[in-house]
Amino acid sequence: MMSFNLNEVALLLVVLVIGWLLGLMMSGRGKYRRLWQDEQAVHRSAIKERDARIEASHARIAELERQSAGPIGAGTATAVAGAVHGRDDLSRISGVSQAQELSLNEAGYHRYGQIAALNAEQEATLEARLGLKPGTIAHEDWRKQASELEKGHNRGLFG
């Protein structure tokens, strides 16, 4: 006759409970298996919907590029976004980089008219903010350029 001590009985019960739980989870009728399968189905449908939206976006972009007679060039998106938000493309002023344009926007300058109307004190403040040598704005004649751009003239007039 075989006798078990208390530790062996406890270990045997733990193993039986673990086996029973694993059996429930692995069985086709188990609640957890059904939940896992449902989650997998939801995930697959979400992936399909995402892929369909991405494909539709690519098709719309291709259609817009065909209508505009070519792909969108560098800087075009910035100019369009600026026009939508009531901003001019200040980087069209000779001497203003894209980074400086962002600094100008942060300082509250969004339109050519604002640059054209700068006074000497505002110029000095902007030069300090942009890290330019004193007199740079006057030397590069940003006010005249901004005035001309506001009237609809192209950047080519300024270099």
N, C-alpha and C. Protein backbone atom coordinates (compact mmCIF):
# COMPACT_ATOMS: atom_id res chain seq x y z
N MET A 1 0.83 -1.16 0.00
CA MET A 1 0.00 0.00 0.00
C MET A 1 0.89 1.24 0.00
N MET A 2 0.43 2.22 -0.76
CA MET A 2 1.19 3.44 -0.92
C MET A 2 0.65 4.50 0.02
N SER A 3 1.54 5.21 0.68
CA SER A 3 1.07 6.28 1.56
C SER A 3 1.74 7.60 1.12
N PHE A 4 0.97 8.64 1.22
CA PHE A 4 1.46 9.97 0.83
C PHE A 4 1.53 10.84 2.06
N ASN A 5 2.58 11.66 2.12
CA ASN A 5 2.63 12.61 3.22
C ASN A 5 1.87 13.88 2.81
N LEU A 6 1.73 14.82 3.71
CA LEU A 6 0.91 16.01 3.48
C LEU A 6 1.45 16.86 2.33
N ASN A 7 2.75 17.00 2.21
CA ASN A 7 3.34 17.79 1.11
C ASN A 7 3.04 17.17 -0.25
N GLU A 8 3.12 15.87 -0.35
CA GLU A 8 2.85 15.20 -1.62
C GLU A 8 1.39 15.34 -2.02
N VAL A 9 0.48 15.27 -1.05
CA VAL A 9 -0.95 15.43 -1.32
C VAL A 9 -1.23 16.85 -1.81
N ALA A 10 -0.64 17.83 -1.16
CA ALA A 10 -0.83 19.23 -1.56
C ALA A 10 -0.29 19.46 -2.97
N LEU A 11 0.86 18.93 -3.26
CA LEU A 11 1.45 19.06 -4.59
C LEU A 11 0.58 18.39 -5.64
N LEU A 12 0.05 17.22 -5.33
CA LEU A 12 -0.83 16.51 -6.25
C LEU A 12 -2.10 17.32 -6.52
N LEU A 13 -2.68 17.93 -5.50
CA LEU A 13 -3.88 18.75 -5.68
C LEU A 13 -3.59 19.99 -6.54
N VAL A 14 -2.46 20.62 -6.32
CA VAL A 14 -2.07 21.80 -7.12
C VAL A 14 -1.92 21.40 -8.58
N VAL A 15 -1.27 20.30 -8.84
CA VAL A 15 -1.08 19.84 -10.22
C VAL A 15 -2.43 19.52 -10.85
N LEU A 16 -3.33 18.87 -10.12
CA LEU A 16 -4.66 18.55 -10.65
C LEU A 16 -5.45 19.81 -10.97
N VAL A 17 -5.41 20.82 -10.10
CA VAL A 17 -6.13 22.08 -10.34
C VAL A 17 -5.55 22.79 -11.56
N ILE A 18 -4.25 22.84 -11.67
CA ILE A 18 -3.62 23.48 -12.84
C ILE A 18 -4.00 22.73 -14.11
N GLY A 19 -3.96 21.45 -14.09
CA GLY A 19 -4.35 20.65 -15.26
C GLY A 19 -5.80 20.88 -15.63
N TRP A 20 -6.65 20.96 -14.63
CA TRP A 20 -8.09 21.21 -14.88
C TRP A 20 -8.29 22.58 -15.53
N LEU A 21 -7.62 23.61 -15.00
CA LEU A 21 -7.74 24.96 -15.57
C LEU A 21 -7.20 25.00 -17.01
N LEU A 22 -6.07 24.39 -17.23
CA LEU A 22 -5.53 24.35 -18.59
C LEU A 22 -6.47 23.61 -19.55
N GLY A 23 -7.05 22.54 -19.06
CA GLY A 23 -8.01 21.80 -19.88
C GLY A 23 -9.21 22.64 -20.25
N LEU A 24 -9.73 23.43 -19.31
CA LEU A 24 -10.86 24.32 -19.60
C LEU A 24 -10.49 25.38 -20.63
N MET A 25 -9.30 25.94 -20.47
CA MET A 25 -8.88 26.99 -21.40
C MET A 25 -8.62 26.44 -22.80
N MET A 26 -8.14 25.23 -22.90
CA MET A 26 -7.79 24.67 -24.20
C MET A 26 -8.96 24.02 -24.91
N SER A 27 -9.99 23.71 -24.19
CA SER A 27 -11.11 23.02 -24.84
C SER A 27 -11.83 23.96 -25.79
N GLY A 28 -12.40 23.44 -26.84
CA GLY A 28 -13.14 24.23 -27.83
C GLY A 28 -14.38 24.85 -27.24
N ARG A 29 -14.88 24.32 -26.16
CA ARG A 29 -16.09 24.85 -25.55
C ARG A 29 -15.79 25.84 -24.44
N GLY A 30 -14.53 26.08 -24.17
CA GLY A 30 -14.14 26.93 -23.06
C GLY A 30 -14.45 28.40 -23.30
N LYS A 31 -14.84 29.08 -22.24
CA LYS A 31 -15.18 30.50 -22.30
C LYS A 31 -13.99 31.34 -22.76
N TYR A 32 -12.80 31.03 -22.26
CA TYR A 32 -11.63 31.82 -22.60
C TYR A 32 -11.22 31.65 -24.05
N ARG A 33 -11.39 30.46 -24.57
CA ARG A 33 -11.06 30.22 -25.97
C ARG A 33 -12.00 31.02 -26.87
N ARG A 34 -13.29 31.04 -26.51
CA ARG A 34 -14.26 31.82 -27.31
C ARG A 34 -13.92 33.31 -27.25
N LEU A 35 -13.58 33.80 -26.08
CA LEU A 35 -13.21 35.21 -25.96
C LEU A 35 -11.97 35.53 -26.79
N TRP A 36 -11.00 34.64 -26.77
CA TRP A 36 -9.78 34.84 -27.56
C TRP A 36 -10.10 34.85 -29.05
N GLN A 37 -10.96 33.92 -29.50
CA GLN A 37 -11.34 33.88 -30.91
C GLN A 37 -12.12 35.13 -31.31
N ASP A 38 -13.00 35.60 -30.42
CA ASP A 38 -13.73 36.84 -30.71
C ASP A 38 -12.77 38.02 -30.83
N GLU A 39 -11.80 38.09 -29.95
CA GLU A 39 -10.82 39.17 -29.99
C GLU A 39 -9.99 39.11 -31.28
N GLN A 40 -9.64 37.92 -31.69
CA GLN A 40 -8.90 37.75 -32.94
C GLN A 40 -9.72 38.24 -34.13
N ALA A 41 -11.01 37.94 -34.15
CA ALA A 41 -11.89 38.37 -35.25
C ALA A 41 -12.01 39.89 -35.28
N VAL A 42 -12.17 40.51 -34.13
CA VAL A 42 -12.25 41.97 -34.06
C VAL A 42 -10.94 42.59 -34.55
N HIS A 43 -9.83 42.02 -34.15
CA HIS A 43 -8.52 42.53 -34.57
C HIS A 43 -8.36 42.43 -36.09
N ARG A 44 -8.73 41.28 -36.66
CA ARG A 44 -8.62 41.12 -38.12
C ARG A 44 -9.49 42.13 -38.86
N SER A 45 -10.70 42.39 -38.37
CA SER A 45 -11.58 43.35 -39.06
C SER A 45 -11.04 44.77 -38.92
N ALA A 46 -10.44 45.10 -37.76
CA ALA A 46 -9.85 46.42 -37.59
C ALA A 46 -8.68 46.62 -38.54
N ILE A 47 -7.88 45.59 -38.72
CA ILE A 47 -6.74 45.66 -39.65
C ILE A 47 -7.24 45.86 -41.08
N LYS A 48 -8.30 45.13 -41.46
CA LYS A 48 -8.85 45.28 -42.80
C LYS A 48 -9.40 46.68 -43.02
N GLU A 49 -10.09 47.24 -42.03
CA GLU A 49 -10.63 48.60 -42.15
C GLU A 49 -9.50 49.62 -42.27
N ARG A 50 -8.45 49.46 -41.47
CA ARG A 50 -7.31 50.36 -41.54
C ARG A 50 -6.67 50.32 -42.92
N ASP A 51 -6.45 49.10 -43.43
CA ASP A 51 -5.84 48.95 -44.75
C ASP A 51 -6.71 49.56 -45.84
N ALA A 52 -8.03 49.42 -45.71
CA ALA A 52 -8.95 50.01 -46.69
C ALA A 52 -8.87 51.53 -46.65
N ARG A 53 -8.79 52.12 -45.45
CA ARG A 53 -8.68 53.59 -45.34
C ARG A 53 -7.36 54.07 -45.94
N ILE A 54 -6.28 53.34 -45.68
CA ILE A 54 -4.98 53.72 -46.23
C ILE A 54 -5.02 53.65 -47.76
N GLU A 55 -5.59 52.60 -48.29
CA GLU A 55 -5.69 52.46 -49.75
C GLU A 55 -6.53 53.57 -50.35
N ALA A 56 -7.64 53.92 -49.70
CA ALA A 56 -8.49 55.01 -50.19
C ALA A 56 -7.73 56.34 -50.15
N SER A 57 -6.93 56.55 -49.11
CA SER A 57 -6.13 57.77 -49.02
C SER A 57 -5.10 57.84 -50.14
N HIS A 58 -4.43 56.72 -50.41
CA HIS A 58 -3.45 56.70 -51.50
C HIS A 58 -4.12 56.96 -52.84
N ALA A 59 -5.31 56.40 -53.05
CA ALA A 59 -6.03 56.64 -54.30
C ALA A 59 -6.41 58.10 -54.44
N ARG A 60 -6.84 58.72 -53.33
CA ARG A 60 -7.22 60.14 -53.37
C ARG A 60 -6.01 61.02 -53.64
N ILE A 61 -4.88 60.69 -53.04
CA ILE A 61 -3.65 61.45 -53.29
C ILE A 61 -3.25 61.35 -54.75
N ALA A 62 -3.31 60.13 -55.31
CA ALA A 62 -2.96 59.94 -56.72
C ALA A 62 -3.91 60.74 -57.61
N GLU A 63 -5.20 60.75 -57.27
CA GLU A 63 -6.17 61.52 -58.06
C GLU A 63 -5.86 63.01 -58.00
N LEU A 64 -5.54 63.52 -56.82
CA LEU A 64 -5.21 64.94 -56.68
C LEU A 64 -3.93 65.30 -57.42
N GLU A 65 -2.95 64.40 -57.40
CA GLU A 65 -1.71 64.66 -58.13
C GLU A 65 -1.97 64.68 -59.62
N ARG A 66 -2.85 63.79 -60.12
CA ARG A 66 -3.18 63.81 -61.56
C ARG A 66 -3.88 65.11 -61.92
N GLN A 67 -4.77 65.58 -61.07
CA GLN A 67 -5.50 66.81 -61.34
C GLN A 67 -4.58 68.03 -61.31
N SER A 68 -3.55 67.99 -60.46
CA SER A 68 -2.66 69.14 -60.35
C SER A 68 -1.49 69.05 -61.33
N ALA A 69 -1.51 68.07 -62.20
CA ALA A 69 -0.48 67.87 -63.22
C ALA A 69 0.88 67.57 -62.62
N GLY A 70 0.93 66.82 -61.55
CA GLY A 70 2.21 66.40 -61.00
C GLY A 70 2.18 66.34 -59.50
N PRO A 71 3.23 65.77 -58.92
CA PRO A 71 3.28 65.66 -57.47
C PRO A 71 3.47 67.03 -56.82
N ILE A 72 3.10 67.11 -55.57
CA ILE A 72 3.24 68.35 -54.82
C ILE A 72 4.72 68.57 -54.55
N GLY A 73 5.19 69.77 -54.82
CA GLY A 73 6.60 70.08 -54.64
C GLY A 73 6.91 70.50 -53.21
N ALA A 74 8.20 70.59 -52.93
CA ALA A 74 8.64 71.00 -51.59
C ALA A 74 8.17 72.42 -51.31
N GLY A 75 7.65 72.65 -50.12
CA GLY A 75 7.20 73.98 -49.73
C GLY A 75 5.75 74.26 -50.08
N THR A 76 5.18 73.51 -51.01
CA THR A 76 3.80 73.76 -51.41
C THR A 76 2.84 73.50 -50.26
N ALA A 77 3.06 72.41 -49.56
CA ALA A 77 2.18 72.07 -48.44
C ALA A 77 2.23 73.16 -47.37
N THR A 78 3.41 73.71 -47.10
CA THR A 78 3.53 74.78 -46.11
C THR A 78 2.78 76.02 -46.56
N ALA A 79 2.91 76.36 -47.84
CA ALA A 79 2.22 77.54 -48.36
C ALA A 79 0.71 77.37 -48.31
N VAL A 80 0.24 76.19 -48.68
CA VAL A 80 -1.20 75.92 -48.66
C VAL A 80 -1.72 75.97 -47.23
N ALA A 81 -0.99 75.36 -46.30
CA ALA A 81 -1.41 75.37 -44.90
C ALA A 81 -1.42 76.79 -44.37
N GLY A 82 -0.43 77.58 -44.74
CA GLY A 82 -0.40 78.98 -44.30
C GLY A 82 -1.57 79.78 -44.84
N ALA A 83 -1.92 79.55 -46.11
CA ALA A 83 -3.04 80.27 -46.69
C ALA A 83 -4.35 79.90 -46.01
N VAL A 84 -4.48 78.63 -45.65
CA VAL A 84 -5.70 78.18 -44.98
C VAL A 84 -5.80 78.83 -43.61
N HIS A 85 -4.68 79.00 -42.91
CA HIS A 85 -4.70 79.55 -41.57
C HIS A 85 -4.48 81.06 -41.55
N GLY A 86 -4.57 81.73 -42.69
CA GLY A 86 -4.42 83.18 -42.73
C GLY A 86 -2.99 83.64 -42.57
N ARG A 87 -2.04 82.91 -43.12
CA ARG A 87 -0.63 83.26 -43.02
C ARG A 87 -0.03 83.33 -44.41
N ASP A 88 0.89 84.26 -44.57
CA ASP A 88 1.65 84.32 -45.81
C ASP A 88 2.91 83.49 -45.65
N ASP A 89 3.50 83.10 -46.78
CA ASP A 89 4.75 82.34 -46.78
C ASP A 89 5.90 83.34 -46.63
N LEU A 90 6.25 83.65 -45.39
CA LEU A 90 7.27 84.66 -45.13
C LEU A 90 8.65 84.23 -45.60
N SER A 91 8.85 82.93 -45.86
CA SER A 91 10.15 82.48 -46.34
C SER A 91 10.39 82.93 -47.79
N ARG A 92 9.38 83.49 -48.43
CA ARG A 92 9.57 84.04 -49.78
C ARG A 92 10.36 85.34 -49.74
N ILE A 93 10.47 85.95 -48.57
CA ILE A 93 11.29 87.15 -48.43
C ILE A 93 12.75 86.70 -48.44
N SER A 94 13.53 87.29 -49.32
CA SER A 94 14.93 86.92 -49.43
C SER A 94 15.63 87.19 -48.10
N GLY A 95 16.28 86.16 -47.55
CA GLY A 95 16.96 86.28 -46.27
C GLY A 95 16.21 85.64 -45.12
N VAL A 96 14.96 85.21 -45.36
CA VAL A 96 14.17 84.55 -44.31
C VAL A 96 14.14 83.05 -44.60
N SER A 97 14.72 82.28 -43.68
CA SER A 97 14.71 80.82 -43.84
C SER A 97 13.40 80.26 -43.29
N GLN A 98 13.16 78.97 -43.53
CA GLN A 98 11.96 78.31 -42.99
C GLN A 98 11.96 78.37 -41.47
N ALA A 99 13.12 78.15 -40.85
CA ALA A 99 13.21 78.19 -39.38
C ALA A 99 12.92 79.60 -38.88
N GLN A 100 13.43 80.61 -39.58
CA GLN A 100 13.17 81.99 -39.17
C GLN A 100 11.70 82.34 -39.36
N GLU A 101 11.08 81.77 -40.40
CA GLU A 101 9.65 82.00 -40.60
C GLU A 101 8.86 81.47 -39.41
N LEU A 102 9.23 80.29 -38.91
CA LEU A 102 8.55 79.75 -37.74
C LEU A 102 8.73 80.66 -36.54
N SER A 103 9.93 81.20 -36.36
CA SER A 103 10.17 82.13 -35.25
C SER A 103 9.36 83.40 -35.42
N LEU A 104 9.24 83.88 -36.65
CA LEU A 104 8.41 85.06 -36.91
C LEU A 104 6.95 84.77 -36.57
N ASN A 105 6.47 83.59 -36.97
CA ASN A 105 5.09 83.20 -36.66
C ASN A 105 4.87 83.13 -35.15
N GLU A 106 5.86 82.57 -34.42
CA GLU A 106 5.76 82.48 -32.97
C GLU A 106 5.73 83.86 -32.33
N ALA A 107 6.41 84.83 -32.97
CA ALA A 107 6.43 86.20 -32.46
C ALA A 107 5.16 86.97 -32.85
N GLY A 108 4.29 86.35 -33.65
CA GLY A 108 3.02 86.99 -34.01
C GLY A 108 3.00 87.61 -35.40
N TYR A 109 4.05 87.39 -36.18
CA TYR A 109 4.10 87.93 -37.54
C TYR A 109 3.71 86.83 -38.52
N HIS A 110 2.56 87.02 -39.21
CA HIS A 110 2.03 86.00 -40.09
C HIS A 110 1.79 86.51 -41.52
N ARG A 111 1.75 87.82 -41.70
CA ARG A 111 1.40 88.39 -43.01
C ARG A 111 2.51 89.32 -43.49
N TYR A 112 2.57 89.47 -44.81
CA TYR A 112 3.56 90.37 -45.41
C TYR A 112 3.35 91.80 -44.91
N GLY A 113 2.10 92.20 -44.76
CA GLY A 113 1.79 93.56 -44.31
C GLY A 113 2.39 93.86 -42.94
N GLN A 114 2.44 92.86 -42.07
CA GLN A 114 3.03 93.06 -40.74
C GLN A 114 4.53 93.32 -40.85
N ILE A 115 5.19 92.60 -41.75
CA ILE A 115 6.63 92.81 -41.94
C ILE A 115 6.88 94.17 -42.60
N ALA A 116 6.04 94.52 -43.56
CA ALA A 116 6.20 95.80 -44.25
C ALA A 116 6.01 96.97 -43.29
N ALA A 117 5.23 96.78 -42.24
CA ALA A 117 4.92 97.87 -41.31
C ALA A 117 5.86 97.92 -40.10
N LEU A 118 6.94 97.14 -40.10
CA LEU A 118 7.86 97.13 -38.96
C LEU A 118 8.50 98.51 -38.74
N ASN A 119 8.67 98.87 -37.48
CA ASN A 119 9.44 100.08 -37.18
C ASN A 119 10.83 99.66 -36.73
N ALA A 120 11.70 100.60 -36.48
CA ALA A 120 13.10 100.30 -36.14
C ALA A 120 13.20 99.49 -34.84
N GLU A 121 12.37 99.80 -33.86
CA GLU A 121 12.42 99.08 -32.59
C GLU A 121 12.00 97.61 -32.79
N GLN A 122 10.95 97.40 -33.58
CA GLN A 122 10.50 96.03 -33.85
C GLN A 122 11.55 95.26 -34.64
N GLU A 123 12.21 95.94 -35.59
CA GLU A 123 13.29 95.29 -36.34
C GLU A 123 14.38 94.81 -35.40
N ALA A 124 14.79 95.67 -34.48
CA ALA A 124 15.87 95.31 -33.54
C ALA A 124 15.44 94.12 -32.68
N THR A 125 14.19 94.12 -32.24
CA THR A 125 13.69 93.02 -31.42
C THR A 125 13.70 91.71 -32.21
N LEU A 126 13.24 91.77 -33.47
CA LEU A 126 13.22 90.57 -34.31
C LEU A 126 14.63 90.08 -34.62
N GLU A 127 15.54 90.99 -34.88
CA GLU A 127 16.93 90.58 -35.16
C GLU A 127 17.51 89.85 -33.95
N ALA A 128 17.23 90.33 -32.76
CA ALA A 128 17.72 89.66 -31.56
C ALA A 128 17.06 88.29 -31.42
N ARG A 129 15.77 88.22 -31.68
CA ARG A 129 15.03 86.95 -31.55
C ARG A 129 15.53 85.92 -32.56
N LEU A 130 15.84 86.38 -33.78
CA LEU A 130 16.27 85.47 -34.85
C LEU A 130 17.78 85.23 -34.84
N GLY A 131 18.50 85.92 -33.98
CA GLY A 131 19.95 85.74 -33.91
C GLY A 131 20.68 86.39 -35.08
N LEU A 132 20.11 87.46 -35.62
CA LEU A 132 20.72 88.17 -36.75
C LEU A 132 21.56 89.34 -36.25
N LYS A 133 22.55 89.74 -37.07
CA LYS A 133 23.34 90.92 -36.73
C LYS A 133 22.44 92.15 -36.78
N PRO A 134 22.66 93.11 -35.91
CA PRO A 134 21.86 94.35 -35.96
C PRO A 134 21.96 94.99 -37.34
N GLY A 135 20.83 95.39 -37.86
CA GLY A 135 20.78 96.05 -39.16
C GLY A 135 20.53 95.11 -40.33
N THR A 136 20.47 93.81 -40.08
CA THR A 136 20.28 92.83 -41.16
C THR A 136 18.95 93.03 -41.87
N ILE A 137 17.88 93.24 -41.11
CA ILE A 137 16.55 93.38 -41.72
C ILE A 137 16.53 94.60 -42.63
N ALA A 138 17.11 95.71 -42.18
CA ALA A 138 17.16 96.91 -43.02
C ALA A 138 18.07 96.69 -44.23
N HIS A 139 19.21 96.05 -44.01
CA HIS A 139 20.17 95.81 -45.10
C HIS A 139 19.56 94.92 -46.18
N GLU A 140 18.82 93.88 -45.77
CA GLU A 140 18.19 92.98 -46.75
C GLU A 140 16.84 93.51 -47.23
N ASP A 141 16.42 94.63 -46.68
CA ASP A 141 15.20 95.33 -47.08
C ASP A 141 13.96 94.45 -47.03
N TRP A 142 13.77 93.80 -45.87
CA TRP A 142 12.61 92.91 -45.69
C TRP A 142 11.30 93.68 -45.84
N ARG A 143 11.28 94.94 -45.39
CA ARG A 143 10.02 95.70 -45.46
C ARG A 143 9.59 95.92 -46.91
N LYS A 144 10.53 96.30 -47.76
CA LYS A 144 10.19 96.54 -49.17
C LYS A 144 9.78 95.22 -49.84
N GLN A 145 10.54 94.15 -49.56
CA GLN A 145 10.20 92.85 -50.14
C GLN A 145 8.81 92.41 -49.72
N ALA A 146 8.51 92.57 -48.43
CA ALA A 146 7.19 92.17 -47.93
C ALA A 146 6.09 93.00 -48.58
N SER A 147 6.36 94.27 -48.76
CA SER A 147 5.38 95.15 -49.41
C SER A 147 5.12 94.71 -50.85
N GLU A 148 6.19 94.38 -51.57
CA GLU A 148 6.05 93.93 -52.95
C GLU A 148 5.32 92.58 -53.02
N LEU A 149 5.66 91.67 -52.11
CA LEU A 149 4.98 90.37 -52.08
C LEU A 149 3.51 90.53 -51.74
N GLU A 150 3.20 91.47 -50.87
CA GLU A 150 1.79 91.71 -50.52
C GLU A 150 1.01 92.21 -51.74
N LYS A 151 1.69 92.94 -52.61
CA LYS A 151 1.06 93.43 -53.83
C LYS A 151 0.95 92.35 -54.90
N GLY A 152 1.60 91.19 -54.67
CA GLY A 152 1.48 90.08 -55.60
C GLY A 152 2.69 89.88 -56.48
N HIS A 153 3.76 90.59 -56.25
CA HIS A 153 4.98 90.40 -57.03
C HIS A 153 5.71 89.14 -56.56
N ASN A 154 6.50 88.55 -57.45
CA ASN A 154 7.21 87.30 -57.14
C ASN A 154 8.52 87.56 -56.43
N ARG A 155 9.04 86.50 -55.83
CA ARG A 155 10.31 86.57 -55.12
C ARG A 155 11.46 86.91 -56.05
N GLY A 156 11.36 86.55 -57.31
CA GLY A 156 12.44 86.74 -58.27
C GLY A 156 12.91 88.17 -58.38
N LEU A 157 12.09 89.13 -57.98
CA LEU A 157 12.48 90.53 -58.05
C LEU A 157 13.55 90.88 -57.02
N PHE A 158 13.71 90.00 -56.01
CA PHE A 158 14.59 90.36 -54.91
C PHE A 158 15.86 89.53 -54.85
N GLY A 159 16.04 88.61 -55.75
CA GLY A 159 17.29 87.85 -55.72
C GLY A 159 17.03 86.45 -55.34
